[in-house]
Amino acid sequence: MFILVALLLLGILITVHEWGHFIAARLTGIQVNEFAIGMGPKIIGWKSKKYDTRFSLRAIPVGGFCAFYGEDDVSGKHLSDSRAFGNQAVWKRILTVAMGPMMNFVLAYVVTVLFFWIGGVNEVTGVDPYIHQVAAAGPAYSAGLQDGDIIESVNGVNVLDGTTDTLLNAISGYQEGDPPLRMVVRRGEETFETEMTPFWDEAENKYRVGVTIGGRYRIVQRPCGFAEALGESWSTCVYAGGAIINALKDLVTTGEGLDQTSGPVGVVSMVSQEVATGGLEAFLNYLVVISINLGIMNLLPIPGLDGSRLVFLVIEAIRRKPIAPQKEAIVHLIGMVLLFGLMIFFTFKDVMNLFR
């Protein structure tokens, strides 16, 4: 069931993207021959007599397309046909190509606005410290502390006061000759007492007990008005977009994150697992993030994607004449072959990860 939910998420993103191309073409008078969701063999289809457009749902639930009349006319068959895509005003074609990625951004923003407006926004009220990691040797290990334990008090002082500073200061404030630190520790539903004597760390120039302290945010949800939801959603989407761009930059320049990159199979697997535990909130979160990611990726000047087509259109607008269709078609063909090769590679990797 959750795999179907993940496929539904991808279907929504693809449909919105292609609908952006479609609606822009309709508004500018460009004829659409076919609007398809999915790739491969056609499952169902129908034709609009009014607009002479075929609509189809295809077997492979990845991708889709919006085919325009006379598009990619390499042979020159439609050279004198005013209805052909290549003979439309360049601004119409730029708008039609750009509206696909733009609609992914719009979808992410609208979903975020509705989520905040209806469900409220999360507000951080503090941080609860916990033991992130216990060193293999040290006072904490000898005292029986484990990863994930929560220290409630040190020498009778409550350290769960919404900061990590109180706990860290209680440990580093130990002085030579002081009695051992008495700690009340919570592990799951159980609470126990233990004590330990910190050691002086020359490198850190402070007393330590051999643990790494982590912090869990205290989050409360508060109501959010529509105007505030607009602003919060904008900040959230801009932050997500910036994080995606930085991740792409690191991937290209240093290869960082390549081991975490997934294809459609990996995305479906990840989303289905997260939705199974996180429910609707996880579904909407992934919908927003992947929609922004899809919009950014399609705007990159990668041959075969919308960004590459926009580059050719902008060049045409500047030089006031198009680049030879044969040359453009070769660039897009090479790009599509590379993209399909990458998709096959990541799909194979994702399948192998599933078996592991």
Protein backbone atom coordinates (compact mmCIF):
# COMPACT_ATOMS: atom_id res chain seq x y z
CA MET A 1 0.00 0.00 0.00
CA PHE A 2 2.78 2.44 0.88
CA ILE A 3 4.58 1.65 -2.38
CA LEU A 4 1.39 2.71 -4.18
CA VAL A 5 1.36 5.88 -2.08
CA ALA A 6 4.95 6.61 -3.14
CA LEU A 7 4.03 6.02 -6.80
CA LEU A 8 1.08 8.37 -6.31
CA LEU A 9 3.50 11.04 -5.08
CA LEU A 10 5.68 10.68 -8.18
CA GLY A 11 2.55 10.68 -10.34
CA ILE A 12 1.40 13.98 -8.82
CA LEU A 13 4.80 15.60 -9.43
CA ILE A 14 4.96 14.40 -13.04
CA THR A 15 1.36 15.39 -13.78
CA VAL A 16 1.83 18.89 -12.38
CA HIS A 17 5.09 19.32 -14.33
CA GLU A 18 3.58 18.26 -17.65
CA TRP A 19 0.40 20.20 -16.94
CA GLY A 20 2.55 23.32 -16.67
CA HIS A 21 3.80 22.75 -20.23
CA PHE A 22 0.27 21.91 -21.35
CA ILE A 23 -1.54 24.92 -19.87
CA ALA A 24 1.11 27.35 -21.13
CA ALA A 25 0.77 25.89 -24.63
CA ARG A 26 -3.02 26.25 -24.48
CA LEU A 27 -2.79 29.86 -23.29
CA THR A 28 -0.33 30.81 -26.04
CA GLY A 29 -2.15 28.95 -28.83
CA ILE A 30 0.42 26.16 -29.33
CA GLN A 31 -1.17 22.88 -30.38
CA VAL A 32 -0.55 19.87 -28.12
CA ASN A 33 -0.64 16.53 -29.94
CA GLU A 34 -0.43 14.34 -26.84
CA PHE A 35 -0.40 14.74 -23.07
CA ALA A 36 0.95 11.55 -21.45
CA ILE A 37 1.62 10.50 -17.87
CA GLY A 38 4.14 7.65 -17.61
CA MET A 39 6.29 6.09 -20.28
CA GLY A 40 6.16 2.94 -22.39
CA PRO A 41 3.04 1.13 -23.65
CA LYS A 42 -0.28 2.96 -23.38
CA ILE A 43 -2.75 1.60 -20.82
CA ILE A 44 -5.67 3.91 -21.52
CA GLY A 45 -6.17 6.91 -23.76
CA TRP A 46 -8.75 9.26 -25.19
CA LYS A 47 -8.85 12.16 -27.60
CA SER A 48 -10.23 15.66 -27.22
CA LYS A 49 -12.13 16.50 -30.40
CA LYS A 50 -12.28 20.17 -29.51
CA TYR A 51 -8.50 20.62 -29.24
CA ASP A 52 -7.34 17.54 -31.24
CA THR A 53 -5.20 16.39 -28.30
CA ARG A 54 -4.64 12.78 -27.23
CA PHE A 55 -4.46 12.05 -23.49
CA SER A 56 -2.85 8.82 -22.31
CA LEU A 57 -1.77 6.94 -19.20
CA ARG A 58 1.24 4.69 -19.80
CA ALA A 59 2.58 1.55 -18.14
CA ILE A 60 5.86 2.75 -16.60
CA PRO A 61 4.99 5.20 -13.77
CA VAL A 62 8.13 7.31 -14.27
CA GLY A 63 8.18 10.40 -16.45
CA GLY A 64 5.69 11.76 -18.93
CA PHE A 65 5.60 14.11 -21.87
CA CYS A 66 3.69 16.86 -23.61
CA ALA A 67 4.16 16.49 -27.38
CA PHE A 68 3.65 19.67 -29.43
CA TYR A 69 2.69 19.82 -33.08
CA GLY A 70 5.76 19.94 -35.31
CA GLU A 71 8.18 19.71 -32.37
CA ASP A 72 11.77 18.59 -33.11
CA ASP A 73 11.18 18.93 -36.84
CA VAL A 74 14.61 17.72 -37.99
CA SER A 75 13.46 16.87 -41.52
CA GLY A 76 11.92 20.30 -42.12
CA LYS A 77 8.50 18.84 -42.95
CA HIS A 78 6.71 21.57 -40.97
CA LEU A 79 9.01 24.40 -42.01
CA SER A 80 6.22 26.39 -43.66
CA ASP A 81 3.45 25.31 -41.26
CA SER A 82 2.49 28.21 -38.97
CA ARG A 83 1.03 25.76 -36.42
CA ALA A 84 4.40 24.02 -35.85
CA PHE A 85 6.09 24.51 -32.50
CA GLY A 86 9.31 25.83 -34.06
CA ASN A 87 7.39 28.52 -35.96
CA GLN A 88 5.74 29.98 -32.84
CA ALA A 89 7.03 33.23 -31.35
CA VAL A 90 10.13 32.54 -29.28
CA TRP A 91 8.58 34.05 -26.12
CA LYS A 92 5.69 31.58 -26.39
CA ARG A 93 8.07 28.65 -26.60
CA ILE A 94 10.19 29.93 -23.70
CA LEU A 95 7.07 30.29 -21.53
CA THR A 96 5.79 26.84 -22.54
CA VAL A 97 9.11 25.10 -21.78
CA ALA A 98 9.71 27.01 -18.52
CA MET A 99 6.23 26.43 -17.11
CA GLY A 100 6.93 22.75 -16.37
CA PRO A 101 9.61 23.38 -13.73
CA MET A 102 7.80 26.52 -12.57
CA MET A 103 4.68 24.50 -11.74
CA ASN A 104 6.78 22.19 -9.56
CA PHE A 105 7.87 25.25 -7.56
CA VAL A 106 4.26 26.47 -7.40
CA LEU A 107 3.07 23.06 -6.19
CA ALA A 108 5.68 22.97 -3.42
CA TYR A 109 4.76 26.49 -2.28
CA VAL A 110 0.98 25.93 -2.35
CA VAL A 111 1.23 22.64 -0.43
CA THR A 112 3.46 24.26 2.20
CA VAL A 113 1.12 27.24 2.59
CA LEU A 114 -1.90 24.96 3.10
CA PHE A 115 0.03 22.74 5.50
CA PHE A 116 1.07 25.67 7.71
CA TRP A 117 -2.28 27.44 7.46
CA ILE A 118 -4.33 24.36 8.38
CA GLY A 119 -1.95 22.49 10.66
CA GLY A 120 0.08 25.33 12.18
CA VAL A 121 3.83 25.83 12.32
CA ASN A 122 6.40 24.07 14.47
CA GLU A 123 8.23 26.26 16.97
CA VAL A 124 11.41 25.24 18.77
CA THR A 125 11.13 26.00 22.49
CA GLY A 126 14.33 24.38 23.67
CA VAL A 127 16.78 21.50 23.34
CA ASP A 128 16.90 18.30 25.40
CA PRO A 129 20.44 16.88 25.72
CA TYR A 130 21.09 13.16 25.39
CA ILE A 131 24.06 10.82 25.08
CA HIS A 132 24.72 10.60 21.36
CA GLN A 133 27.77 8.35 21.67
CA VAL A 134 29.76 6.76 24.49
CA ALA A 135 33.50 6.31 23.93
CA ALA A 136 34.76 2.71 24.09
CA ALA A 137 36.88 3.58 27.12
CA GLY A 138 36.31 6.28 29.70
CA PRO A 139 34.40 7.14 32.89
CA ALA A 140 30.99 7.08 31.17
CA TYR A 141 31.61 3.63 29.68
CA SER A 142 32.81 2.30 33.04
CA ALA A 143 29.73 3.77 34.73
CA GLY A 144 27.45 1.86 32.35
CA LEU A 145 26.16 4.72 30.18
CA GLN A 146 24.90 3.80 26.71
CA ASP A 147 24.10 5.62 23.49
CA GLY A 148 20.68 7.25 23.74
CA ASP A 149 20.65 7.62 27.53
CA ILE A 150 19.27 10.86 28.95
CA ILE A 151 21.00 12.47 31.93
CA GLU A 152 18.31 14.11 34.06
CA SER A 153 20.43 15.64 36.82
CA VAL A 154 24.05 16.06 37.91
CA ASN A 155 24.78 16.43 41.65
CA GLY A 156 21.10 17.14 42.24
CA VAL A 157 20.90 19.92 39.60
CA ASN A 158 18.31 19.44 36.84
CA VAL A 159 20.08 19.59 33.46
CA LEU A 160 16.94 19.20 31.34
CA ASP A 161 16.33 22.94 31.24
CA GLY A 162 15.99 23.36 27.48
CA THR A 163 19.72 23.76 26.75
CA THR A 164 22.75 21.55 26.40
CA ASP A 165 24.93 24.12 28.19
CA THR A 166 23.92 23.17 31.74
CA LEU A 167 24.95 19.53 31.28
CA LEU A 168 28.19 20.42 29.47
CA ASN A 169 29.11 23.00 32.14
CA ALA A 170 28.37 20.53 34.93
CA ILE A 171 30.91 18.11 33.45
CA SER A 172 33.58 20.58 32.36
CA GLY A 173 33.23 22.52 35.63
CA TYR A 174 34.58 19.58 37.62
CA GLN A 175 37.77 20.39 39.57
CA GLU A 176 40.55 18.13 40.76
CA GLY A 177 39.67 16.78 44.21
CA ASP A 178 35.91 17.21 43.80
CA PRO A 179 33.76 14.17 44.60
CA PRO A 180 32.55 12.05 41.64
CA LEU A 181 29.62 13.42 39.64
CA ARG A 182 26.34 11.84 40.78
CA MET A 183 23.99 11.42 37.83
CA VAL A 184 20.38 10.39 37.46
CA VAL A 185 20.04 8.69 34.08
CA ARG A 186 16.90 7.72 32.15
CA ARG A 187 17.00 4.80 29.74
CA GLY A 188 13.66 4.18 28.08
CA GLU A 189 11.10 3.88 30.88
CA GLU A 190 13.70 3.13 33.57
CA THR A 191 15.69 5.55 35.74
CA PHE A 192 18.88 4.74 37.63
CA GLU A 193 21.70 6.50 39.44
CA THR A 194 25.41 6.30 38.71
CA GLU A 195 28.54 8.29 39.36
CA MET A 196 31.79 8.97 37.54
CA THR A 197 34.95 11.02 37.87
CA PRO A 198 35.83 13.17 34.84
CA PHE A 199 39.35 13.13 33.39
CA TRP A 200 41.40 16.08 32.15
CA ASP A 201 41.67 16.19 28.35
CA GLU A 202 44.86 18.03 27.38
CA ALA A 203 43.78 18.42 23.75
CA GLU A 204 40.36 19.87 24.63
CA ASN A 205 41.72 21.71 27.68
CA LYS A 206 38.76 20.67 29.84
CA TYR A 207 37.37 17.83 31.95
CA ARG A 208 35.44 15.13 30.09
CA VAL A 209 33.68 11.83 30.82
CA GLY A 210 34.00 10.25 27.35
CA VAL A 211 30.67 11.02 25.74
CA THR A 212 29.36 13.03 22.80
CA ILE A 213 26.31 15.11 23.73
CA GLY A 214 23.48 15.48 21.23
CA GLY A 215 20.35 17.59 21.43
CA ARG A 216 16.70 16.90 20.54
CA TYR A 217 14.60 19.95 19.77
CA ARG A 218 11.55 20.64 21.88
CA ILE A 219 8.89 21.45 19.30
CA VAL A 220 5.38 22.77 19.84
CA GLN A 221 2.83 23.40 17.12
CA ARG A 222 1.04 26.74 17.15
CA PRO A 223 -1.73 28.15 14.95
CA CYS A 224 -0.68 30.11 11.88
CA GLY A 225 -2.68 32.74 10.00
CA PHE A 226 -2.81 32.82 6.21
CA ALA A 227 -0.50 35.83 5.87
CA GLU A 228 2.10 34.26 8.16
CA ALA A 229 1.75 30.95 6.29
CA LEU A 230 2.68 32.76 3.07
CA GLY A 231 5.89 34.08 4.60
CA GLU A 232 6.82 30.87 6.45
CA SER A 233 6.22 28.82 3.30
CA TRP A 234 8.39 31.10 1.20
CA SER A 235 11.26 30.83 3.71
CA THR A 236 10.85 27.05 3.90
CA CYS A 237 10.87 26.56 0.12
CA VAL A 238 13.83 28.91 -0.38
CA TYR A 239 15.78 27.07 2.33
CA ALA A 240 14.96 23.68 0.74
CA GLY A 241 15.96 24.96 -2.70
CA GLY A 242 19.26 26.30 -1.35
CA ALA A 243 20.04 23.01 0.36
CA ILE A 244 19.35 21.09 -2.86
CA ILE A 245 21.56 23.44 -4.90
CA ASN A 246 24.41 23.11 -2.38
CA ALA A 247 24.06 19.32 -2.43
CA LEU A 248 24.22 19.31 -6.24
CA LYS A 249 27.29 21.56 -6.13
CA ASP A 250 29.05 19.20 -3.68
CA LEU A 251 28.04 16.20 -5.80
CA VAL A 252 29.60 17.71 -8.94
CA THR A 253 32.71 19.25 -7.37
CA THR A 254 33.70 16.67 -4.74
CA GLY A 255 31.44 13.66 -5.35
CA GLU A 256 30.01 14.06 -1.84
CA GLY A 257 26.62 12.39 -1.55
CA LEU A 258 27.03 10.13 -4.59
CA ASP A 259 26.54 7.04 -2.41
CA GLN A 260 23.21 8.48 -1.23
CA THR A 261 21.93 9.35 -4.71
CA SER A 262 18.98 7.24 -5.82
CA GLY A 263 16.92 6.59 -8.93
CA PRO A 264 13.15 6.06 -9.14
CA VAL A 265 13.27 2.69 -7.36
CA GLY A 266 15.26 4.12 -4.46
CA VAL A 267 12.95 7.13 -4.19
CA VAL A 268 9.84 4.92 -4.12
CA SER A 269 11.44 2.67 -1.49
CA MET A 270 12.52 5.59 0.70
CA VAL A 271 9.21 7.45 0.45
CA SER A 272 7.14 4.32 1.14
CA GLN A 273 9.18 3.56 4.28
CA GLU A 274 8.98 7.13 5.59
CA VAL A 275 5.24 7.46 4.88
CA ALA A 276 4.64 4.14 6.67
CA THR A 277 6.00 5.68 9.88
CA GLY A 278 5.42 9.42 9.37
CA GLY A 279 1.99 9.35 7.71
CA LEU A 280 0.55 12.35 5.89
CA GLU A 281 3.16 14.79 7.20
CA ALA A 282 5.99 12.68 5.76
CA PHE A 283 4.11 12.36 2.45
CA LEU A 284 3.66 16.13 2.16
CA ASN A 285 7.24 16.80 3.22
CA TYR A 286 8.61 14.55 0.48
CA LEU A 287 6.12 15.99 -2.00
CA VAL A 288 7.49 19.48 -1.35
CA VAL A 289 11.19 18.57 -1.33
CA ILE A 290 11.09 16.31 -4.40
CA SER A 291 8.94 18.81 -6.30
CA ILE A 292 11.52 21.57 -5.68
CA ASN A 293 14.29 19.15 -6.61
CA LEU A 294 12.49 18.23 -9.85
CA GLY A 295 12.04 21.89 -10.73
CA ILE A 296 15.71 22.73 -10.12
CA MET A 297 17.01 19.68 -11.99
CA ASN A 298 14.87 20.47 -15.03
CA LEU A 299 16.18 24.03 -15.17
CA LEU A 300 19.80 22.91 -15.30
CA PRO A 301 21.31 23.20 -18.82
CA ILE A 302 21.56 19.42 -19.17
CA PRO A 303 20.93 18.20 -22.74
CA GLY A 304 17.53 16.56 -23.01
CA LEU A 305 15.98 18.49 -20.12
CA ASP A 306 13.95 21.71 -20.13
CA GLY A 307 16.97 23.78 -19.09
CA SER A 308 18.86 22.80 -22.23
CA ARG A 309 15.89 23.67 -24.45
CA LEU A 310 15.64 27.04 -22.72
CA VAL A 311 19.31 27.72 -23.50
CA PHE A 312 18.68 27.10 -27.21
CA LEU A 313 15.59 29.34 -27.12
CA VAL A 314 17.43 32.17 -25.37
CA ILE A 315 20.23 31.94 -27.94
CA GLU A 316 17.60 32.08 -30.67
CA ALA A 317 16.03 35.17 -29.10
CA ILE A 318 19.43 36.91 -28.92
CA ARG A 319 20.63 36.10 -32.44
CA ARG A 320 17.07 36.36 -33.89
CA LYS A 321 17.29 33.07 -35.70
CA PRO A 322 17.19 29.47 -34.48
CA ILE A 323 20.09 27.07 -34.31
CA ALA A 324 19.84 24.38 -37.00
CA PRO A 325 17.25 21.80 -35.80
CA GLN A 326 19.60 18.94 -36.72
CA LYS A 327 22.32 20.24 -34.38
CA GLU A 328 19.88 20.83 -31.53
CA ALA A 329 18.35 17.38 -32.01
CA ILE A 330 21.80 15.73 -31.77
CA VAL A 331 22.53 17.55 -28.48
CA HIS A 332 19.18 16.51 -26.98
CA LEU A 333 19.58 12.93 -28.23
CA ILE A 334 23.02 12.60 -26.62
CA GLY A 335 21.60 14.03 -23.40
CA MET A 336 18.66 11.61 -23.36
CA VAL A 337 20.96 8.63 -23.94
CA LEU A 338 23.15 9.73 -21.01
CA LEU A 339 20.11 10.34 -18.80
CA PHE A 340 18.67 6.90 -19.57
CA GLY A 341 22.09 5.39 -18.88
CA LEU A 342 22.19 7.11 -15.48
CA MET A 343 18.64 5.96 -14.74
CA ILE A 344 19.57 2.36 -15.54
CA PHE A 345 22.70 2.62 -13.36
CA PHE A 346 20.85 4.06 -10.34
CA THR A 347 17.96 1.62 -10.79
CA PHE A 348 20.41 -1.29 -10.70
CA LYS A 349 22.08 0.19 -7.60
CA ASP A 350 18.71 0.71 -5.91
CA VAL A 351 17.60 -2.87 -6.61
CA MET A 352 20.86 -4.25 -5.21
CA ASN A 353 20.39 -2.11 -2.07
CA LEU A 354 16.90 -3.55 -1.63
CA PHE A 355 18.30 -7.09 -1.66
CA ARG A 356 20.93 -6.11 0.90
